[in-house]
Amino acid sequence: ANSSLLFLEFSKDSWIQILDASGKNLYTGVRSAGTQYSIEGLPPYTVVLGVADGVSVEYQGEVVDFATRPGKNAARFRVPQ
């Protein structure tokens, strides 16, 4: 199986959920501002961020560019896209 590293850094408290390619829940919960979190699994990942402007995401060392919907601060995206 091809494992790939996903890294998140939090500048604000944020609820997150990360699912792997099979739909397995790798993490669900709140992470605190000032913390980091890394996870390895089977991509692509589905990532949901409750406070998207408070989280930076990297996949295999590259910054992930994700967008929020107008008027919303939550984001849902796949990595790699």
N, C-alpha and C. Protein backbone atom coordinates (compact mmCIF):
# COMPACT_ATOMS: atom_id res chain seq x y z
N ALA A 1 0.84 -1.19 0.00
CA ALA A 1 0.00 0.00 0.00
C ALA A 1 0.88 1.24 0.00
N ASN A 2 0.43 2.27 -0.68
CA ASN A 2 1.17 3.53 -0.79
C ASN A 2 0.75 4.46 0.33
N SER A 3 1.63 4.67 1.30
CA SER A 3 1.33 5.59 2.40
C SER A 3 1.93 6.95 2.12
N SER A 4 1.22 7.98 2.50
CA SER A 4 1.68 9.35 2.27
C SER A 4 1.38 10.19 3.48
N LEU A 5 2.28 11.12 3.79
CA LEU A 5 2.18 11.94 4.98
C LEU A 5 1.35 13.20 4.74
N LEU A 6 0.41 13.44 5.65
CA LEU A 6 -0.40 14.64 5.66
C LEU A 6 -0.07 15.37 6.96
N PHE A 7 0.25 16.67 6.86
CA PHE A 7 0.68 17.46 8.01
C PHE A 7 -0.21 18.68 8.14
N LEU A 8 -0.71 18.94 9.35
CA LEU A 8 -1.56 20.10 9.61
C LEU A 8 -0.97 20.91 10.76
N GLU A 9 -1.03 22.23 10.62
CA GLU A 9 -0.56 23.14 11.67
C GLU A 9 -1.69 24.12 11.98
N PHE A 10 -1.93 24.33 13.28
CA PHE A 10 -3.11 25.08 13.72
C PHE A 10 -2.72 26.41 14.34
N SER A 11 -3.22 27.51 13.77
CA SER A 11 -3.04 28.83 14.36
C SER A 11 -4.30 29.26 15.12
N LYS A 12 -5.39 28.50 14.94
CA LYS A 12 -6.65 28.70 15.67
C LYS A 12 -7.17 27.32 16.05
N ASP A 13 -7.97 27.25 17.11
CA ASP A 13 -8.64 25.99 17.42
C ASP A 13 -9.54 25.62 16.25
N SER A 14 -9.54 24.35 15.87
CA SER A 14 -10.37 23.93 14.75
C SER A 14 -10.80 22.47 14.90
N TRP A 15 -12.06 22.22 14.58
CA TRP A 15 -12.54 20.86 14.47
C TRP A 15 -12.05 20.32 13.14
N ILE A 16 -11.58 19.06 13.11
CA ILE A 16 -11.16 18.44 11.86
C ILE A 16 -11.65 17.01 11.77
N GLN A 17 -11.78 16.55 10.54
CA GLN A 17 -12.03 15.14 10.25
C GLN A 17 -11.19 14.75 9.06
N ILE A 18 -10.54 13.59 9.15
CA ILE A 18 -9.72 13.09 8.04
C ILE A 18 -10.12 11.64 7.77
N LEU A 19 -10.49 11.38 6.52
CA LEU A 19 -10.83 10.03 6.07
C LEU A 19 -9.81 9.60 5.03
N ASP A 20 -9.50 8.29 4.98
CA ASP A 20 -8.58 7.82 3.94
C ASP A 20 -9.36 7.37 2.71
N ALA A 21 -8.66 6.81 1.72
CA ALA A 21 -9.26 6.43 0.44
C ALA A 21 -10.39 5.41 0.60
N SER A 22 -10.31 4.58 1.64
CA SER A 22 -11.34 3.55 1.85
C SER A 22 -12.52 4.08 2.65
N GLY A 23 -12.43 5.36 3.09
CA GLY A 23 -13.49 5.94 3.91
C GLY A 23 -13.28 5.73 5.40
N LYS A 24 -12.14 5.10 5.77
CA LYS A 24 -11.81 4.89 7.18
C LYS A 24 -11.54 6.22 7.85
N ASN A 25 -12.15 6.42 9.02
CA ASN A 25 -11.95 7.65 9.78
C ASN A 25 -10.59 7.58 10.47
N LEU A 26 -9.65 8.42 10.02
CA LEU A 26 -8.31 8.45 10.62
C LEU A 26 -8.26 9.37 11.82
N TYR A 27 -9.06 10.42 11.83
CA TYR A 27 -9.10 11.34 12.96
C TYR A 27 -10.36 12.20 12.89
N THR A 28 -11.01 12.37 14.03
CA THR A 28 -12.09 13.33 14.18
C THR A 28 -11.92 13.97 15.55
N GLY A 29 -11.93 15.28 15.59
CA GLY A 29 -11.83 15.96 16.87
C GLY A 29 -11.38 17.40 16.72
N VAL A 30 -11.15 18.04 17.87
CA VAL A 30 -10.72 19.43 17.90
C VAL A 30 -9.23 19.47 18.20
N ARG A 31 -8.51 20.26 17.42
CA ARG A 31 -7.09 20.49 17.66
C ARG A 31 -6.93 21.94 18.12
N SER A 32 -6.02 22.17 19.03
CA SER A 32 -5.83 23.50 19.63
C SER A 32 -4.85 24.35 18.83
N ALA A 33 -5.05 25.65 18.90
CA ALA A 33 -4.12 26.61 18.30
C ALA A 33 -2.72 26.35 18.84
N GLY A 34 -1.72 26.45 17.97
CA GLY A 34 -0.34 26.26 18.37
C GLY A 34 0.13 24.81 18.30
N THR A 35 -0.76 23.90 17.87
CA THR A 35 -0.37 22.50 17.77
C THR A 35 -0.16 22.09 16.32
N GLN A 36 0.45 20.93 16.17
CA GLN A 36 0.66 20.33 14.85
C GLN A 36 0.15 18.90 14.90
N TYR A 37 -0.21 18.38 13.74
CA TYR A 37 -0.71 17.01 13.67
C TYR A 37 -0.29 16.41 12.34
N SER A 38 0.27 15.20 12.38
CA SER A 38 0.60 14.53 11.14
C SER A 38 -0.02 13.14 11.16
N ILE A 39 -0.36 12.68 9.98
CA ILE A 39 -1.01 11.38 9.86
C ILE A 39 -0.55 10.73 8.57
N GLU A 40 -0.47 9.42 8.60
CA GLU A 40 -0.05 8.68 7.41
C GLU A 40 -1.11 7.62 7.14
N GLY A 41 -1.47 7.47 5.89
CA GLY A 41 -2.48 6.50 5.51
C GLY A 41 -2.52 6.33 4.02
N LEU A 42 -3.65 5.87 3.54
CA LEU A 42 -3.83 5.59 2.12
C LEU A 42 -4.57 6.75 1.45
N PRO A 43 -3.87 7.54 0.61
CA PRO A 43 -4.53 8.67 -0.06
C PRO A 43 -5.41 8.17 -1.22
N PRO A 44 -6.31 8.99 -1.71
CA PRO A 44 -6.51 10.39 -1.31
C PRO A 44 -7.26 10.49 0.01
N TYR A 45 -6.97 11.57 0.73
CA TYR A 45 -7.64 11.86 1.99
C TYR A 45 -8.80 12.82 1.72
N THR A 46 -9.86 12.66 2.48
CA THR A 46 -10.92 13.66 2.52
C THR A 46 -10.73 14.42 3.83
N VAL A 47 -10.56 15.73 3.72
CA VAL A 47 -10.27 16.57 4.89
C VAL A 47 -11.41 17.56 5.08
N VAL A 48 -11.91 17.66 6.31
CA VAL A 48 -12.92 18.65 6.66
C VAL A 48 -12.34 19.50 7.79
N LEU A 49 -12.36 20.82 7.60
CA LEU A 49 -11.85 21.76 8.58
C LEU A 49 -12.97 22.68 9.03
N GLY A 50 -13.18 22.80 10.33
CA GLY A 50 -14.23 23.68 10.85
C GLY A 50 -13.84 25.14 10.82
N VAL A 51 -12.55 25.43 11.03
CA VAL A 51 -12.04 26.81 11.01
C VAL A 51 -10.86 26.81 10.04
N ALA A 52 -11.19 26.85 8.77
CA ALA A 52 -10.19 26.64 7.71
C ALA A 52 -9.10 27.71 7.69
N ASP A 53 -9.44 28.95 8.06
CA ASP A 53 -8.41 29.99 8.01
C ASP A 53 -7.41 29.88 9.17
N GLY A 54 -7.61 28.92 10.05
CA GLY A 54 -6.70 28.71 11.15
C GLY A 54 -5.86 27.46 11.01
N VAL A 55 -5.87 26.87 9.79
CA VAL A 55 -5.15 25.61 9.57
C VAL A 55 -4.35 25.70 8.29
N SER A 56 -3.06 25.32 8.36
CA SER A 56 -2.28 25.16 7.14
C SER A 56 -2.07 23.66 6.95
N VAL A 57 -2.12 23.23 5.69
CA VAL A 57 -2.05 21.80 5.36
C VAL A 57 -0.93 21.56 4.36
N GLU A 58 -0.13 20.53 4.62
CA GLU A 58 0.91 20.11 3.68
C GLU A 58 0.72 18.63 3.38
N TYR A 59 0.98 18.26 2.13
CA TYR A 59 0.93 16.87 1.71
C TYR A 59 2.25 16.54 1.04
N GLN A 60 2.96 15.58 1.56
CA GLN A 60 4.28 15.19 1.06
C GLN A 60 5.20 16.41 0.93
N GLY A 61 5.15 17.31 1.93
CA GLY A 61 6.02 18.47 1.97
C GLY A 61 5.59 19.66 1.14
N GLU A 62 4.48 19.54 0.42
CA GLU A 62 3.97 20.64 -0.41
C GLU A 62 2.73 21.25 0.23
N VAL A 63 2.65 22.59 0.24
CA VAL A 63 1.48 23.28 0.79
C VAL A 63 0.26 22.98 -0.06
N VAL A 64 -0.84 22.65 0.60
CA VAL A 64 -2.10 22.37 -0.07
C VAL A 64 -2.91 23.66 -0.14
N ASP A 65 -3.31 24.04 -1.34
CA ASP A 65 -4.13 25.23 -1.53
C ASP A 65 -5.58 24.80 -1.58
N PHE A 66 -6.35 25.19 -0.58
CA PHE A 66 -7.77 24.86 -0.55
C PHE A 66 -8.57 26.13 -0.38
N ALA A 67 -9.78 26.11 -0.86
CA ALA A 67 -10.62 27.31 -0.81
C ALA A 67 -11.86 27.03 0.04
N THR A 68 -12.34 28.08 0.69
CA THR A 68 -13.61 27.98 1.40
C THR A 68 -14.69 28.57 0.51
N ARG A 69 -15.92 28.17 0.77
CA ARG A 69 -17.02 28.75 0.01
C ARG A 69 -17.29 30.16 0.50
N PRO A 70 -17.74 31.05 -0.38
CA PRO A 70 -18.02 32.43 0.05
C PRO A 70 -18.94 32.48 1.26
N GLY A 71 -18.55 33.26 2.25
CA GLY A 71 -19.36 33.40 3.45
C GLY A 71 -19.19 32.29 4.47
N LYS A 72 -18.37 31.31 4.16
CA LYS A 72 -18.16 30.18 5.07
C LYS A 72 -16.69 30.10 5.45
N ASN A 73 -16.40 29.59 6.65
CA ASN A 73 -15.02 29.40 7.04
C ASN A 73 -14.65 27.92 7.13
N ALA A 74 -15.60 27.06 6.88
CA ALA A 74 -15.34 25.62 6.86
C ALA A 74 -14.85 25.24 5.45
N ALA A 75 -14.08 24.16 5.38
CA ALA A 75 -13.61 23.68 4.08
C ALA A 75 -13.66 22.17 4.04
N ARG A 76 -13.95 21.63 2.87
CA ARG A 76 -13.93 20.19 2.64
C ARG A 76 -13.22 19.99 1.31
N PHE A 77 -12.17 19.14 1.31
CA PHE A 77 -11.39 18.95 0.09
C PHE A 77 -10.70 17.58 0.13
N ARG A 78 -10.16 17.18 -1.02
CA ARG A 78 -9.42 15.93 -1.12
C ARG A 78 -7.95 16.22 -1.37
N VAL A 79 -7.10 15.37 -0.79
CA VAL A 79 -5.66 15.50 -0.95
C VAL A 79 -5.09 14.13 -1.31
N PRO A 80 -4.35 13.93 -2.38
CA PRO A 80 -4.19 14.92 -3.46
C PRO A 80 -5.49 15.08 -4.22
N GLN A 81 -5.63 16.20 -4.89
CA GLN A 81 -6.88 16.52 -5.59
C GLN A 81 -7.01 15.75 -6.88
